[in-house]
Amino acid sequence: MSKRIIGVVIFLVILVIVFSFSFLGFEKIKRWIELQVTGRLRVPGVSPQVTAVYLENNYCDEPGGANKPSVIPVANSYRPITFNVTVYDVNGDCGGGITLYICSNESALPNPPYCNAAYSVDSVSNSTPAIKYGPEECQNCYCNYTATYNLPYYMKCGTWYVNVTASDEEGNKNSTVRWWHDSMLLSVWYPYIEGDGEGNEVYLGVVNVGQWNYGMGQNLTKNTGNINVTTLLWNATNFTSGANVIPIKPYEGNTTFAVDDDTDPMNGAGWINETPTVQIAYPPYGLYRCTDFACSNPRAKYYLWWHIYVPSVPS
């Protein structure tokens, strides 16, 4: 081969290299060289995929699927519920963390339900995978995450959704929505003592013979479940004080026992029937569901008074 031909070949090779770097860029050339020389293909910038979501070891389907695991909340408290998530990433970059967005059936848009940060009522995150496993150098890797959400007792029962958003270490994200069920919890604590839970004695205040008790005999009632109580029923047996019994007796057209929402025994009281086992409904609206731990809904907790008239002359 003549020197002239060799020079032309070298010139063409240089021209191809310059052209490639100019139009393809260094990174693409580098990946091409790695593929050709080492037999490896690195794929940066690929978003991770959420492949499986479990709620307390029960598989969660996408909305509409058959697997919608249920949880039972804890009265007047939190119920920790644990989600186990598997994330897959073709280039092994699945360790950027997950965020779980919790959406109610009301907050998620219908048909199909949509749940993300904008529509969520709460969220919880975990930035460190519990397990990361895969082939050498972690291509085609899987990351397992665990995240625990504290479910408040007052959250409305029914269908709920969780948006699991997974990130890689480059900030690429992907998400999937799964569903679960918050079971019904019917629970009323009475008498309820703030800070101490459910009480076990009815406070009557000052009781004097021959008159109705007024004033200090208040007892707090609280809805500690996740549904509205449409009918709140009351009954009483004969109250006792030591060896003394205060019987239910007819009095002034009613009886000697009444439950009420204020200090006046004659103002809208729910009169206990002469038969102690007969229940009365009071107040008419029942007991609404709390919407926060403070239970700021005035009809979800309120004070009740037991009004008692102790006859001065037994009959």
Protein backbone atom coordinates (compact mmCIF):
# COMPACT_ATOMS: atom_id res chain seq x y z
CA MET A 1 0.00 0.00 0.00
CA SER A 2 1.43 3.34 -0.98
CA LYS A 3 2.08 6.08 1.53
CA ARG A 4 -0.54 8.18 -0.21
CA ILE A 5 -3.26 5.57 0.32
CA ILE A 6 -2.23 5.10 3.97
CA GLY A 7 -2.47 8.84 4.51
CA VAL A 8 -5.95 8.94 2.99
CA VAL A 9 -7.10 6.09 5.29
CA ILE A 10 -5.72 7.83 8.39
CA PHE A 11 -7.41 11.07 7.35
CA LEU A 12 -10.76 9.30 6.92
CA VAL A 13 -10.44 7.63 10.35
CA ILE A 14 -9.71 10.96 11.99
CA LEU A 15 -12.63 12.51 10.12
CA VAL A 16 -15.00 9.78 11.35
CA ILE A 17 -13.84 10.23 14.97
CA VAL A 18 -14.24 14.01 14.80
CA PHE A 19 -17.66 13.62 13.21
CA SER A 20 -18.76 11.12 15.87
CA PHE A 21 -17.68 13.26 18.80
CA SER A 22 -19.21 16.36 17.25
CA PHE A 23 -22.63 14.88 16.59
CA LEU A 24 -22.93 12.00 19.06
CA GLY A 25 -21.12 13.40 22.07
CA PHE A 26 -18.54 11.94 24.40
CA GLU A 27 -20.94 9.95 26.60
CA LYS A 28 -22.56 8.12 23.69
CA ILE A 29 -19.17 7.26 22.22
CA LYS A 30 -18.02 6.08 25.64
CA ARG A 31 -21.03 3.80 26.01
CA TRP A 32 -20.51 2.47 22.45
CA ILE A 33 -16.88 1.68 23.26
CA GLU A 34 -17.89 -0.04 26.55
CA LEU A 35 -20.47 -2.12 24.70
CA GLN A 36 -18.02 -3.14 21.97
CA VAL A 37 -14.92 -3.64 24.11
CA THR A 38 -16.30 -5.06 27.36
CA GLY A 39 -19.67 -6.49 26.28
CA ARG A 40 -21.53 -4.38 28.91
CA LEU A 41 -24.30 -1.90 28.29
CA ARG A 42 -24.92 0.73 30.95
CA VAL A 43 -28.32 2.45 30.81
CA PRO A 44 -28.39 5.63 32.89
CA GLY A 45 -31.50 7.76 33.43
CA VAL A 46 -33.98 4.86 33.63
CA SER A 47 -36.74 5.42 36.19
CA PRO A 48 -37.26 2.69 38.82
CA GLN A 49 -40.40 0.56 38.68
CA VAL A 50 -42.59 -0.37 41.67
CA THR A 51 -43.27 -4.05 41.06
CA ALA A 52 -45.09 -5.13 44.25
CA VAL A 53 -46.80 -3.54 47.27
CA TYR A 54 -47.83 -5.50 50.36
CA LEU A 55 -49.82 -4.27 53.34
CA GLU A 56 -48.92 -6.31 56.40
CA ASN A 57 -47.88 -9.27 54.18
CA ASN A 58 -51.06 -9.09 52.08
CA TYR A 59 -50.65 -8.23 48.40
CA CYS A 60 -52.26 -4.96 47.28
CA ASP A 61 -53.81 -4.86 43.81
CA GLU A 62 -54.21 -1.81 41.64
CA PRO A 63 -57.66 -0.14 42.11
CA GLY A 64 -60.35 -2.49 40.88
CA GLY A 65 -58.39 -5.66 41.59
CA ALA A 66 -59.49 -8.45 43.89
CA ASN A 67 -56.78 -8.03 46.53
CA LYS A 68 -57.76 -5.14 48.78
CA PRO A 69 -56.39 -6.01 52.24
CA SER A 70 -58.27 -4.75 55.29
CA VAL A 71 -57.00 -3.29 58.53
CA ILE A 72 -58.85 -2.76 61.80
CA PRO A 73 -58.07 0.58 63.49
CA VAL A 74 -57.44 0.98 67.21
CA ALA A 75 -60.06 2.90 69.20
CA ASN A 76 -58.99 6.41 70.24
CA SER A 77 -55.41 5.77 69.06
CA TYR A 78 -53.13 5.08 66.10
CA ARG A 79 -52.86 1.78 64.25
CA PRO A 80 -49.39 1.33 62.72
CA ILE A 81 -49.80 -0.28 59.29
CA THR A 82 -46.69 -1.45 57.44
CA PHE A 83 -46.24 -1.39 53.67
CA ASN A 84 -43.55 -3.58 52.07
CA VAL A 85 -42.50 -2.38 48.62
CA THR A 86 -40.32 -3.95 45.93
CA VAL A 87 -38.66 -1.60 43.42
CA TYR A 88 -36.85 -2.72 40.25
CA ASP A 89 -34.33 -0.74 38.24
CA VAL A 90 -32.61 -2.00 35.11
CA ASN A 91 -29.46 0.00 35.78
CA GLY A 92 -29.32 -0.82 39.49
CA ASP A 93 -30.12 2.70 40.65
CA CYS A 94 -33.12 1.92 42.85
CA GLY A 95 -31.78 3.26 46.15
CA GLY A 96 -33.17 6.79 46.02
CA GLY A 97 -36.04 6.10 48.44
CA ILE A 98 -39.83 5.86 48.37
CA THR A 99 -42.70 8.10 49.45
CA LEU A 100 -46.17 6.78 50.25
CA TYR A 101 -49.06 9.20 49.66
CA ILE A 102 -52.25 8.19 51.48
CA CYS A 103 -55.55 9.12 49.83
CA SER A 104 -59.12 8.57 50.96
CA ASN A 105 -61.96 7.55 48.68
CA GLU A 106 -63.22 11.13 48.89
CA SER A 107 -59.88 12.85 48.21
CA ALA A 108 -58.91 10.68 45.21
CA LEU A 109 -60.46 11.55 41.88
CA PRO A 110 -62.91 8.88 40.62
CA ASN A 111 -62.87 6.74 37.47
CA PRO A 112 -60.16 5.65 38.00
CA PRO A 113 -59.13 6.81 41.47
CA TYR A 114 -56.16 9.15 41.26
CA CYS A 115 -53.82 9.65 44.17
CA ASN A 116 -50.69 11.78 44.43
CA ALA A 117 -49.21 14.46 46.68
CA ALA A 118 -51.87 16.99 45.66
CA TYR A 119 -54.78 14.74 46.65
CA SER A 120 -53.27 12.94 49.62
CA VAL A 121 -54.35 13.42 53.21
CA ASP A 122 -51.00 12.26 54.58
CA SER A 123 -47.64 10.77 53.55
CA VAL A 124 -44.68 8.80 54.89
CA SER A 125 -41.20 8.29 53.42
CA ASN A 126 -38.21 5.95 53.66
CA SER A 127 -34.89 6.88 52.05
CA THR A 128 -32.99 3.66 52.79
CA PRO A 129 -33.82 0.27 51.28
CA ALA A 130 -33.88 -2.62 53.73
CA ILE A 131 -32.40 -4.97 51.11
CA LYS A 132 -30.72 -4.33 47.77
CA TYR A 133 -29.96 -7.38 45.69
CA GLY A 134 -29.14 -8.37 42.13
CA PRO A 135 -26.33 -9.53 39.86
CA GLU A 136 -22.76 -8.31 40.17
CA GLU A 137 -22.40 -4.51 39.96
CA CYS A 138 -26.18 -4.41 40.58
CA GLN A 139 -27.58 -4.13 37.10
CA ASN A 140 -31.19 -5.33 36.97
CA CYS A 141 -31.39 -4.72 40.71
CA TYR A 142 -34.25 -4.94 43.17
CA CYS A 143 -34.66 -2.83 46.31
CA ASN A 144 -36.99 -3.76 49.15
CA TYR A 145 -38.43 -0.96 51.30
CA THR A 146 -40.53 -0.94 54.44
CA ALA A 147 -42.60 2.08 55.48
CA THR A 148 -45.02 2.35 58.40
CA TYR A 149 -47.99 4.69 58.41
CA ASN A 150 -49.79 5.51 61.68
CA LEU A 151 -53.48 5.25 60.81
CA PRO A 152 -55.55 7.53 63.09
CA TYR A 153 -58.66 5.94 64.56
CA TYR A 154 -61.01 8.64 63.25
CA MET A 155 -60.18 8.20 59.53
CA LYS A 156 -63.42 7.34 57.76
CA CYS A 157 -63.83 3.64 57.09
CA GLY A 158 -63.96 2.36 53.51
CA THR A 159 -61.68 2.32 50.48
CA TRP A 160 -58.26 3.98 50.69
CA TYR A 161 -55.37 4.30 48.24
CA VAL A 162 -51.62 4.47 48.52
CA ASN A 163 -49.43 6.06 45.85
CA VAL A 164 -45.95 4.52 46.09
CA THR A 165 -43.46 6.86 44.40
CA ALA A 166 -39.96 5.43 43.98
CA SER A 167 -36.87 7.50 43.17
CA ASP A 168 -33.39 6.61 41.97
CA GLU A 169 -30.20 8.34 43.01
CA GLU A 170 -30.35 10.59 39.95
CA GLY A 171 -33.81 11.89 40.89
CA ASN A 172 -35.80 9.92 38.31
CA LYS A 173 -39.21 8.90 39.68
CA ASN A 174 -41.99 6.48 38.97
CA SER A 175 -45.13 5.60 40.90
CA THR A 176 -48.01 3.18 41.14
CA VAL A 177 -51.34 3.33 42.99
CA ARG A 178 -52.67 0.42 45.05
CA TRP A 179 -55.74 0.15 47.27
CA TRP A 180 -56.68 -1.15 50.71
CA HIS A 181 -59.64 -1.05 53.11
CA ASP A 182 -60.08 0.63 56.48
CA SER A 183 -62.54 -1.55 58.39
CA MET A 184 -65.47 -0.20 60.37
CA LEU A 185 -64.84 0.52 64.04
CA LEU A 186 -67.87 1.22 66.22
CA SER A 187 -66.58 2.48 69.56
CA VAL A 188 -67.94 4.93 72.14
CA TRP A 189 -66.15 5.59 75.43
CA TYR A 190 -68.24 6.69 78.36
CA PRO A 191 -67.51 8.13 80.76
CA TYR A 192 -64.41 9.42 79.00
CA ILE A 193 -61.58 11.04 80.97
CA GLU A 194 -59.26 13.27 78.92
CA GLY A 195 -55.73 11.91 79.11
CA ASP A 196 -56.74 8.77 80.99
CA GLY A 197 -58.92 6.98 78.47
CA GLU A 198 -62.22 5.39 79.35
CA GLY A 199 -63.50 5.88 82.90
CA ASN A 200 -65.50 3.42 84.93
CA GLU A 201 -67.66 5.57 87.19
CA VAL A 202 -70.48 7.99 86.49
CA TYR A 203 -69.94 11.30 88.25
CA LEU A 204 -73.17 12.55 89.82
CA GLY A 205 -71.99 15.71 91.49
CA VAL A 206 -73.75 16.77 94.69
CA VAL A 207 -76.88 14.72 95.43
CA ASN A 208 -79.25 15.84 98.17
CA VAL A 209 -82.41 14.17 99.41
CA GLY A 210 -85.65 15.72 98.19
CA GLN A 211 -84.22 17.61 95.19
CA TRP A 212 -82.73 17.14 91.73
CA ASN A 213 -78.96 17.31 91.45
CA TYR A 214 -77.61 20.20 89.42
CA GLY A 215 -74.27 21.60 88.36
CA MET A 216 -71.22 19.41 88.66
CA GLY A 217 -72.45 15.99 87.57
CA GLN A 218 -70.97 16.09 84.07
CA ASN A 219 -69.59 13.04 82.24
CA LEU A 220 -67.81 13.22 78.91
CA THR A 221 -68.91 10.95 76.05
CA LYS A 222 -66.60 10.52 73.02
CA ASN A 223 -66.85 8.73 69.69
CA THR A 224 -63.61 6.73 69.57
CA GLY A 225 -64.42 4.91 66.32
CA ASN A 226 -64.50 5.82 62.63
CA ILE A 227 -68.23 6.01 61.85
CA ASN A 228 -71.13 8.22 62.91
CA VAL A 229 -73.27 6.68 65.63
CA THR A 230 -76.76 7.47 64.39
CA THR A 231 -78.54 6.27 67.53
CA LEU A 232 -77.00 6.49 70.99
CA LEU A 233 -78.97 4.36 73.44
CA TRP A 234 -78.95 4.72 77.22
CA ASN A 235 -80.29 2.70 80.10
CA ALA A 236 -79.62 2.46 83.82
CA THR A 237 -80.22 0.17 86.72
CA ASN A 238 -80.77 1.38 90.25
CA PHE A 239 -77.84 3.51 91.44
CA THR A 240 -76.25 2.54 94.72
CA SER A 241 -74.30 4.41 97.35
CA GLY A 242 -72.81 1.91 99.71
CA ALA A 243 -75.71 -0.18 100.97
CA ASN A 244 -78.29 2.41 99.87
CA VAL A 245 -80.23 1.99 96.64
CA ILE A 246 -81.73 4.88 94.67
CA PRO A 247 -84.60 3.26 92.76
CA ILE A 248 -86.08 4.40 89.47
CA LYS A 249 -89.49 5.78 90.43
CA PRO A 250 -92.28 7.76 88.77
CA TYR A 251 -91.95 11.46 89.56
CA GLU A 252 -93.77 14.55 88.28
CA GLY A 253 -95.01 12.72 85.22
CA ASN A 254 -91.57 11.31 84.44
CA THR A 255 -89.12 9.27 86.48
CA THR A 256 -86.41 9.93 89.03
CA PHE A 257 -83.56 9.28 86.50
CA ALA A 258 -82.72 11.35 83.46
CA VAL A 259 -79.76 11.86 81.14
CA ASP A 260 -79.28 15.34 79.72
CA ASP A 261 -76.82 17.64 77.96
CA ASP A 262 -76.96 20.48 80.49
CA THR A 263 -77.48 21.13 84.20
CA ASP A 264 -81.26 21.59 84.01
CA PRO A 265 -83.08 18.27 84.58
CA MET A 266 -86.33 19.67 83.17
CA ASN A 267 -84.83 21.01 79.93
CA GLY A 268 -84.97 18.35 77.23
CA ALA A 269 -83.84 15.47 79.41
CA GLY A 270 -83.96 11.91 78.19
CA TRP A 271 -85.98 10.20 80.85
CA ILE A 272 -84.98 6.69 81.88
CA ASN A 273 -87.98 4.39 81.82
CA GLU A 274 -89.33 2.85 85.00
CA THR A 275 -88.12 -0.48 83.62
CA PRO A 276 -84.32 -0.20 83.97
CA THR A 277 -83.58 -2.41 80.97
CA VAL A 278 -85.49 -0.22 78.51
CA GLN A 279 -83.12 1.95 76.46
CA ILE A 280 -83.74 5.51 75.33
CA ALA A 281 -82.13 7.36 72.41
CA TYR A 282 -80.38 10.58 73.41
CA PRO A 283 -79.44 13.03 71.96
CA PRO A 284 -81.51 12.81 68.77
CA TYR A 285 -78.51 13.13 66.40
CA GLY A 286 -76.46 10.40 68.09
CA LEU A 287 -72.70 10.89 68.10
CA TYR A 288 -70.73 12.14 65.12
CA ARG A 289 -67.28 10.91 64.03
CA CYS A 290 -64.23 12.84 65.21
CA THR A 291 -62.15 14.46 62.48
CA ASP A 292 -58.92 14.91 64.46
CA PHE A 293 -57.33 13.79 67.71
CA ALA A 294 -58.57 16.90 69.48
CA CYS A 295 -62.06 15.81 68.39
CA SER A 296 -63.02 19.41 67.70
CA ASN A 297 -66.36 18.40 66.18
CA PRO A 298 -68.78 19.53 68.92
CA ARG A 299 -71.16 16.67 68.17
CA ALA A 300 -68.47 13.99 68.32
CA LYS A 301 -67.89 14.41 72.03
CA TYR A 302 -69.89 16.26 74.63
CA TYR A 303 -70.77 16.34 78.30
CA LEU A 304 -73.81 14.55 79.68
CA TRP A 305 -75.39 14.97 83.07
CA TRP A 306 -77.21 12.28 85.02
CA HIS A 307 -80.06 13.91 86.92
CA ILE A 308 -81.31 12.01 89.93
CA TYR A 309 -84.09 12.78 92.35
CA VAL A 310 -83.79 11.06 95.70
CA PRO A 311 -87.20 11.04 97.39
CA SER A 312 -87.19 12.29 100.97
CA VAL A 313 -89.89 9.79 101.95
CA PRO A 314 -89.56 6.24 100.56
CA SER A 315 -92.71 4.90 98.95
